[in-house]
Amino acid sequence: MADDFYGLNQTVRWIGVVEDNRDPSQLGRCKVRILGWYSDDKNLAPADCLPWAQEQFSPGVKSFTAQKVGEW
């Protein structure tokens, strides 16, 4: 079994639109509608059903800027 596959240790990169940025745990997470994974129909996949996602930081970045609702 390969130990260097995409998604190892539950890390997966994707593109999506921020639906909610009010993280109750204040960990800098946001709820994101992932392109091609969640329906665009908010009746089928409402924002409150989306999982919390952690933003990936580039090497050397030392500060966090909250993503705004509607940003990709």
PDB file of N, CA and C in Angstrom:
ATOM      1  N   MET A   1       0.841  -1.182   0.000  1.00  0.00           N
ATOM      2  CA  MET A   1       0.000   0.000   0.000  1.00  0.00           C
ATOM      3  C   MET A   1       0.886   1.247   0.000  1.00  0.00           C
ATOM      4  N   ALA A   2       0.569   2.201  -0.844  1.00  0.00           N
ATOM      5  CA  ALA A   2       1.337   3.445  -0.923  1.00  0.00           C
ATOM      6  C   ALA A   2       1.078   4.292   0.314  1.00  0.00           C
ATOM      7  N   ASP A   3       2.120   4.966   0.781  1.00  0.00           N
ATOM      8  CA  ASP A   3       1.948   5.818   1.954  1.00  0.00           C
ATOM      9  C   ASP A   3       2.081   7.302   1.615  1.00  0.00           C
ATOM     10  N   ASP A   4       1.970   7.632   0.328  1.00  0.00           N
ATOM     11  CA  ASP A   4       2.102   9.027  -0.074  1.00  0.00           C
ATOM     12  C   ASP A   4       0.957   9.459  -1.004  1.00  0.00           C
ATOM     13  N   PHE A   5      -0.213   8.877  -0.812  1.00  0.00           N
ATOM     14  CA  PHE A   5      -1.335   9.194  -1.688  1.00  0.00           C
ATOM     15  C   PHE A   5      -2.018  10.491  -1.286  1.00  0.00           C
ATOM     16  N   TYR A   6      -2.716  11.086  -2.244  1.00  0.00           N
ATOM     17  CA  TYR A   6      -3.459  12.317  -2.032  1.00  0.00           C
ATOM     18  C   TYR A   6      -4.563  12.067  -1.024  1.00  0.00           C
ATOM     19  N   GLY A   7      -4.601  12.836   0.046  1.00  0.00           N
ATOM     20  CA  GLY A   7      -5.618  12.675   1.072  1.00  0.00           C
ATOM     21  C   GLY A   7      -5.133  11.906   2.282  1.00  0.00           C
ATOM     22  N   LEU A   8      -3.861  11.506   2.302  1.00  0.00           N
ATOM     23  CA  LEU A   8      -3.306  10.805   3.452  1.00  0.00           C
ATOM     24  C   LEU A   8      -3.531  11.639   4.706  1.00  0.00           C
ATOM     25  N   ASN A   9      -3.877  11.003   5.789  1.00  0.00           N
ATOM     26  CA  ASN A   9      -4.132  11.676   7.064  1.00  0.00           C
ATOM     27  C   ASN A   9      -5.289  12.667   6.967  1.00  0.00           C
ATOM     28  N   GLN A  10      -6.242  12.398   6.116  1.00  0.00           N
ATOM     29  CA  GLN A  10      -7.460  13.188   5.954  1.00  0.00           C
ATOM     30  C   GLN A  10      -7.198  14.607   5.441  1.00  0.00           C
ATOM     31  N   THR A  11      -6.064  14.846   4.813  1.00  0.00           N
ATOM     32  CA  THR A  11      -5.773  16.145   4.226  1.00  0.00           C
ATOM     33  C   THR A  11      -6.127  16.106   2.757  1.00  0.00           C
ATOM     34  N   VAL A  12      -7.097  16.904   2.378  1.00  0.00           N
ATOM     35  CA  VAL A  12      -7.543  16.952   0.989  1.00  0.00           C
ATOM     36  C   VAL A  12      -7.695  18.421   0.609  1.00  0.00           C
ATOM     37  N   ARG A  13      -7.168  18.777  -0.556  1.00  0.00           N
ATOM     38  CA  ARG A  13      -7.313  20.150  -1.034  1.00  0.00           C
ATOM     39  C   ARG A  13      -8.486  20.215  -1.997  1.00  0.00           C
ATOM     40  N   TRP A  14      -9.197  21.345  -1.983  1.00  0.00           N
ATOM     41  CA  TRP A  14     -10.366  21.521  -2.821  1.00  0.00           C
ATOM     42  C   TRP A  14     -10.618  23.006  -2.997  1.00  0.00           C
ATOM     43  N   ILE A  15     -11.576  23.332  -3.848  1.00  0.00           N
ATOM     44  CA  ILE A  15     -11.992  24.713  -4.083  1.00  0.00           C
ATOM     45  C   ILE A  15     -13.467  24.809  -3.730  1.00  0.00           C
ATOM     46  N   GLY A  16     -13.842  25.888  -3.070  1.00  0.00           N
ATOM     47  CA  GLY A  16     -15.231  26.063  -2.701  1.00  0.00           C
ATOM     48  C   GLY A  16     -15.520  27.494  -2.299  1.00  0.00           C
ATOM     49  N   VAL A  17     -16.776  27.758  -2.005  1.00  0.00           N
ATOM     50  CA  VAL A  17     -17.204  29.092  -1.598  1.00  0.00           C
ATOM     51  C   VAL A  17     -17.560  29.068  -0.112  1.00  0.00           C
ATOM     52  N   VAL A  18     -17.114  30.086   0.611  1.00  0.00           N
ATOM     53  CA  VAL A  18     -17.370  30.184   2.050  1.00  0.00           C
ATOM     54  C   VAL A  18     -18.849  30.487   2.274  1.00  0.00           C
ATOM     55  N   GLU A  19     -19.496  29.655   3.080  1.00  0.00           N
ATOM     56  CA  GLU A  19     -20.910  29.821   3.403  1.00  0.00           C
ATOM     57  C   GLU A  19     -21.109  30.383   4.806  1.00  0.00           C
ATOM     58  N   ASP A  20     -20.173  30.111   5.717  1.00  0.00           N
ATOM     59  CA  ASP A  20     -20.303  30.559   7.111  1.00  0.00           C
ATOM     60  C   ASP A  20     -18.892  30.669   7.687  1.00  0.00           C
ATOM     61  N   ASN A  21     -18.591  31.789   8.342  1.00  0.00           N
ATOM     62  CA  ASN A  21     -17.260  31.966   8.930  1.00  0.00           C
ATOM     63  C   ASN A  21     -17.328  32.238  10.434  1.00  0.00           C
ATOM     64  N   ARG A  22     -18.464  31.924  11.052  1.00  0.00           N
ATOM     65  CA  ARG A  22     -18.644  32.146  12.487  1.00  0.00           C
ATOM     66  C   ARG A  22     -18.344  30.858  13.254  1.00  0.00           C
ATOM     67  N   ASP A  23     -17.083  30.506  13.347  1.00  0.00           N
ATOM     68  CA  ASP A  23     -16.638  29.273  14.000  1.00  0.00           C
ATOM     69  C   ASP A  23     -16.895  29.368  15.501  1.00  0.00           C
ATOM     70  N   PRO A  24     -17.792  28.527  16.041  1.00  0.00           N
ATOM     71  CA  PRO A  24     -18.107  28.608  17.466  1.00  0.00           C
ATOM     72  C   PRO A  24     -16.908  28.266  18.352  1.00  0.00           C
ATOM     73  N   SER A  25     -15.962  27.510  17.826  1.00  0.00           N
ATOM     74  CA  SER A  25     -14.762  27.147  18.593  1.00  0.00           C
ATOM     75  C   SER A  25     -13.640  28.162  18.422  1.00  0.00           C
ATOM     76  N   GLN A  26     -13.837  29.141  17.550  1.00  0.00           N
ATOM     77  CA  GLN A  26     -12.853  30.194  17.277  1.00  0.00           C
ATOM     78  C   GLN A  26     -11.485  29.616  16.903  1.00  0.00           C
ATOM     79  N   LEU A  27     -11.518  28.633  15.986  1.00  0.00           N
ATOM     80  CA  LEU A  27     -10.293  27.992  15.503  1.00  0.00           C
ATOM     81  C   LEU A  27      -9.924  28.454  14.099  1.00  0.00           C
ATOM     82  N   GLY A  28     -10.676  29.420  13.559  1.00  0.00           N
ATOM     83  CA  GLY A  28     -10.395  29.916  12.221  1.00  0.00           C
ATOM     84  C   GLY A  28     -10.981  29.065  11.113  1.00  0.00           C
ATOM     85  N   ARG A  29     -11.919  28.205  11.451  1.00  0.00           N
ATOM     86  CA  ARG A  29     -12.544  27.346  10.445  1.00  0.00           C
ATOM     87  C   ARG A  29     -13.704  28.070   9.775  1.00  0.00           C
ATOM     88  N   CYS A  30     -14.144  27.538   8.639  1.00  0.00           N
ATOM     89  CA  CYS A  30     -15.333  28.065   7.979  1.00  0.00           C
ATOM     90  C   CYS A  30     -16.059  26.907   7.301  1.00  0.00           C
ATOM     91  N   LYS A  31     -17.332  27.119   7.051  1.00  0.00           N
ATOM     92  CA  LYS A  31     -18.122  26.121   6.324  1.00  0.00           C
ATOM     93  C   LYS A  31     -18.047  26.486   4.854  1.00  0.00           C
ATOM     94  N   VAL A  32     -17.655  25.517   4.040  1.00  0.00           N
ATOM     95  CA  VAL A  32     -17.400  25.771   2.629  1.00  0.00           C
ATOM     96  C   VAL A  32     -18.201  24.810   1.763  1.00  0.00           C
ATOM     97  N   ARG A  33     -18.859  25.363   0.755  1.00  0.00           N
ATOM     98  CA  ARG A  33     -19.570  24.540  -0.237  1.00  0.00           C
ATOM     99  C   ARG A  33     -18.547  24.149  -1.289  1.00  0.00           C
ATOM    100  N   ILE A  34     -18.068  22.919  -1.224  1.00  0.00           N
ATOM    101  CA  ILE A  34     -16.989  22.445  -2.089  1.00  0.00           C
ATOM    102  C   ILE A  34     -17.520  22.204  -3.495  1.00  0.00           C
ATOM    103  N   LEU A  35     -16.843  22.810  -4.464  1.00  0.00           N
ATOM    104  CA  LEU A  35     -17.203  22.699  -5.871  1.00  0.00           C
ATOM    105  C   LEU A  35     -17.157  21.238  -6.309  1.00  0.00           C
ATOM    106  N   GLY A  36     -18.277  20.748  -6.843  1.00  0.00           N
ATOM    107  CA  GLY A  36     -18.349  19.380  -7.341  1.00  0.00           C
ATOM    108  C   GLY A  36     -18.646  18.337  -6.279  1.00  0.00           C
ATOM    109  N   TRP A  37     -18.744  18.742  -5.017  1.00  0.00           N
ATOM    110  CA  TRP A  37     -19.016  17.781  -3.951  1.00  0.00           C
ATOM    111  C   TRP A  37     -20.392  18.027  -3.336  1.00  0.00           C
ATOM    112  N   TYR A  38     -20.668  19.292  -2.989  1.00  0.00           N
ATOM    113  CA  TYR A  38     -21.963  19.654  -2.427  1.00  0.00           C
ATOM    114  C   TYR A  38     -22.816  20.320  -3.496  1.00  0.00           C
ATOM    115  N   SER A  39     -24.101  20.066  -3.438  1.00  0.00           N
ATOM    116  CA  SER A  39     -25.040  20.640  -4.397  1.00  0.00           C
ATOM    117  C   SER A  39     -25.074  22.157  -4.280  1.00  0.00           C
ATOM    118  N   ASP A  40     -25.278  22.834  -5.405  1.00  0.00           N
ATOM    119  CA  ASP A  40     -25.485  24.280  -5.399  1.00  0.00           C
ATOM    120  C   ASP A  40     -26.862  24.623  -4.831  1.00  0.00           C
ATOM    121  N   ASP A  41     -27.749  23.644  -4.804  1.00  0.00           N
ATOM    122  CA  ASP A  41     -29.100  23.832  -4.280  1.00  0.00           C
ATOM    123  C   ASP A  41     -29.033  23.839  -2.753  1.00  0.00           C
ATOM    124  N   LYS A  42     -29.215  25.009  -2.155  1.00  0.00           N
ATOM    125  CA  LYS A  42     -29.086  25.142  -0.706  1.00  0.00           C
ATOM    126  C   LYS A  42     -30.229  24.467   0.051  1.00  0.00           C
ATOM    127  N   ASN A  43     -31.279  24.046  -0.661  1.00  0.00           N
ATOM    128  CA  ASN A  43     -32.339  23.257  -0.024  1.00  0.00           C
ATOM    129  C   ASN A  43     -31.882  21.811   0.159  1.00  0.00           C
ATOM    130  N   LEU A  44     -31.057  21.320  -0.763  1.00  0.00           N
ATOM    131  CA  LEU A  44     -30.530  19.956  -0.665  1.00  0.00           C
ATOM    132  C   LEU A  44     -29.339  19.873   0.283  1.00  0.00           C
ATOM    133  N   ALA A  45     -28.550  20.939   0.346  1.00  0.00           N
ATOM    134  CA  ALA A  45     -27.354  20.964   1.198  1.00  0.00           C
ATOM    135  C   ALA A  45     -27.257  22.337   1.870  1.00  0.00           C
ATOM    136  N   PRO A  46     -28.048  22.545   2.935  1.00  0.00           N
ATOM    137  CA  PRO A  46     -28.003  23.838   3.613  1.00  0.00           C
ATOM    138  C   PRO A  46     -26.663  24.059   4.313  1.00  0.00           C
ATOM    139  N   ALA A  47     -26.291  25.315   4.486  1.00  0.00           N
ATOM    140  CA  ALA A  47     -24.994  25.662   5.075  1.00  0.00           C
ATOM    141  C   ALA A  47     -24.794  25.037   6.445  1.00  0.00           C
ATOM    142  N   ASP A  48     -25.851  24.923   7.247  1.00  0.00           N
ATOM    143  CA  ASP A  48     -25.675  24.361   8.590  1.00  0.00           C
ATOM    144  C   ASP A  48     -25.330  22.868   8.561  1.00  0.00           C
ATOM    145  N   CYS A  49     -25.489  22.208   7.417  1.00  0.00           N
ATOM    146  CA  CYS A  49     -25.125  20.793   7.275  1.00  0.00           C
ATOM    147  C   CYS A  49     -23.702  20.600   6.735  1.00  0.00           C
ATOM    148  N   LEU A  50     -23.063  21.675   6.295  1.00  0.00           N
ATOM    149  CA  LEU A  50     -21.703  21.569   5.770  1.00  0.00           C
ATOM    150  C   LEU A  50     -20.725  21.385   6.928  1.00  0.00           C
ATOM    151  N   PRO A  51     -19.647  20.613   6.718  1.00  0.00           N
ATOM    152  CA  PRO A  51     -18.656  20.434   7.795  1.00  0.00           C
ATOM    153  C   PRO A  51     -17.756  21.661   7.928  1.00  0.00           C
ATOM    154  N   TRP A  52     -17.155  21.815   9.085  1.00  0.00           N
ATOM    155  CA  TRP A  52     -16.179  22.889   9.289  1.00  0.00           C
ATOM    156  C   TRP A  52     -14.883  22.511   8.599  1.00  0.00           C
ATOM    157  N   ALA A  53     -14.275  23.480   7.929  1.00  0.00           N
ATOM    158  CA  ALA A  53     -13.029  23.259   7.189  1.00  0.00           C
ATOM    159  C   ALA A  53     -11.953  24.198   7.727  1.00  0.00           C
ATOM    160  N   GLN A  54     -10.723  23.719   7.741  1.00  0.00           N
ATOM    161  CA  GLN A  54      -9.581  24.522   8.175  1.00  0.00           C
ATOM    162  C   GLN A  54      -8.829  25.006   6.952  1.00  0.00           C
ATOM    163  N   GLU A  55      -8.524  26.281   6.915  1.00  0.00           N
ATOM    164  CA  GLU A  55      -7.775  26.849   5.801  1.00  0.00           C
ATOM    165  C   GLU A  55      -6.321  26.378   5.858  1.00  0.00           C
ATOM    166  N   GLN A  56      -5.751  26.132   4.693  1.00  0.00           N
ATOM    167  CA  GLN A  56      -4.346  25.770   4.623  1.00  0.00           C
ATOM    168  C   GLN A  56      -3.525  27.049   4.502  1.00  0.00           C
ATOM    169  N   PHE A  57      -2.469  27.126   5.259  1.00  0.00           N
ATOM    170  CA  PHE A  57      -1.600  28.292   5.225  1.00  0.00           C
ATOM    171  C   PHE A  57      -0.353  27.989   4.418  1.00  0.00           C
ATOM    172  N   SER A  58       0.167  28.978   3.750  1.00  0.00           N
ATOM    173  CA  SER A  58       1.424  28.840   3.022  1.00  0.00           C
ATOM    174  C   SER A  58       2.576  28.866   4.012  1.00  0.00           C
ATOM    175  N   PRO A  59       3.699  28.234   3.678  1.00  0.00           N
ATOM    176  CA  PRO A  59       4.859  28.279   4.568  1.00  0.00           C
ATOM    177  C   PRO A  59       5.253  29.727   4.855  1.00  0.00           C
ATOM    178  N   GLY A  60       5.549  30.020   6.090  1.00  0.00           N
ATOM    179  CA  GLY A  60       5.975  31.353   6.478  1.00  0.00           C
ATOM    180  C   GLY A  60       4.852  32.270   6.915  1.00  0.00           C
ATOM    181  N   VAL A  61       3.585  31.880   6.677  1.00  0.00           N
ATOM    182  CA  VAL A  61       2.459  32.713   7.089  1.00  0.00           C
ATOM    183  C   VAL A  61       2.264  32.547   8.593  1.00  0.00           C
ATOM    184  N   LYS A  62       2.222  33.663   9.318  1.00  0.00           N
ATOM    185  CA  LYS A  62       2.128  33.594  10.768  1.00  0.00           C
ATOM    186  C   LYS A  62       0.850  34.195  11.321  1.00  0.00           C
ATOM    187  N   SER A  63       0.020  34.757  10.460  1.00  0.00           N
ATOM    188  CA  SER A  63      -1.224  35.344  10.942  1.00  0.00           C
ATOM    189  C   SER A  63      -2.405  34.788  10.160  1.00  0.00           C
ATOM    190  N   PHE A  64      -3.552  34.845  10.778  1.00  0.00           N
ATOM    191  CA  PHE A  64      -4.774  34.325  10.179  1.00  0.00           C
ATOM    192  C   PHE A  64      -5.701  35.477   9.808  1.00  0.00           C
ATOM    193  N   THR A  65      -6.267  35.421   8.628  1.00  0.00           N
ATOM    194  CA  THR A  65      -7.273  36.389   8.202  1.00  0.00           C
ATOM    195  C   THR A  65      -8.533  35.594   7.875  1.00  0.00           C
ATOM    196  N   ALA A  66      -9.608  35.865   8.597  1.00  0.00           N
ATOM    197  CA  ALA A  66     -10.847  35.122   8.390  1.00  0.00           C
ATOM    198  C   ALA A  66     -11.352  35.325   6.953  1.00  0.00           C
ATOM    199  N   GLN A  67     -11.782  34.238   6.366  1.00  0.00           N
ATOM    200  CA  GLN A  67     -12.368  34.302   5.027  1.00  0.00           C
ATOM    201  C   GLN A  67     -13.758  34.909   5.129  1.00  0.00           C
ATOM    202  N   LYS A  68     -14.136  35.671   4.135  1.00  0.00           N
ATOM    203  CA  LYS A  68     -15.451  36.308   4.120  1.00  0.00           C
ATOM    204  C   LYS A  68     -16.458  35.417   3.403  1.00  0.00           C
ATOM    205  N   VAL A  69     -17.692  35.456   3.873  1.00  0.00           N
ATOM    206  CA  VAL A  69     -18.770  34.698   3.234  1.00  0.00           C
ATOM    207  C   VAL A  69     -18.854  35.142   1.770  1.00  0.00           C
ATOM    208  N   GLY A  70     -18.912  34.177   0.882  1.00  0.00           N
ATOM    209  CA  GLY A  70     -18.979  34.445  -0.558  1.00  0.00           C
ATOM    210  C   GLY A  70     -17.631  34.363  -1.248  1.00  0.00           C
ATOM    211  N   GLU A  71     -16.535  34.366  -0.486  1.00  0.00           N
ATOM    212  CA  GLU A  71     -15.202  34.241  -1.102  1.00  0.00           C
ATOM    213  C   GLU A  71     -14.965  32.805  -1.534  1.00  0.00           C
ATOM    214  N   TRP A  72     -14.126  32.660  -2.558  1.00  0.00           N
ATOM    215  CA  TRP A  72     -13.726  31.337  -3.043  1.00  0.00           C
ATOM    216  C   TRP A  72     -12.363  31.021  -2.499  1.00  0.00           C
TER     217      TRP A  72
END
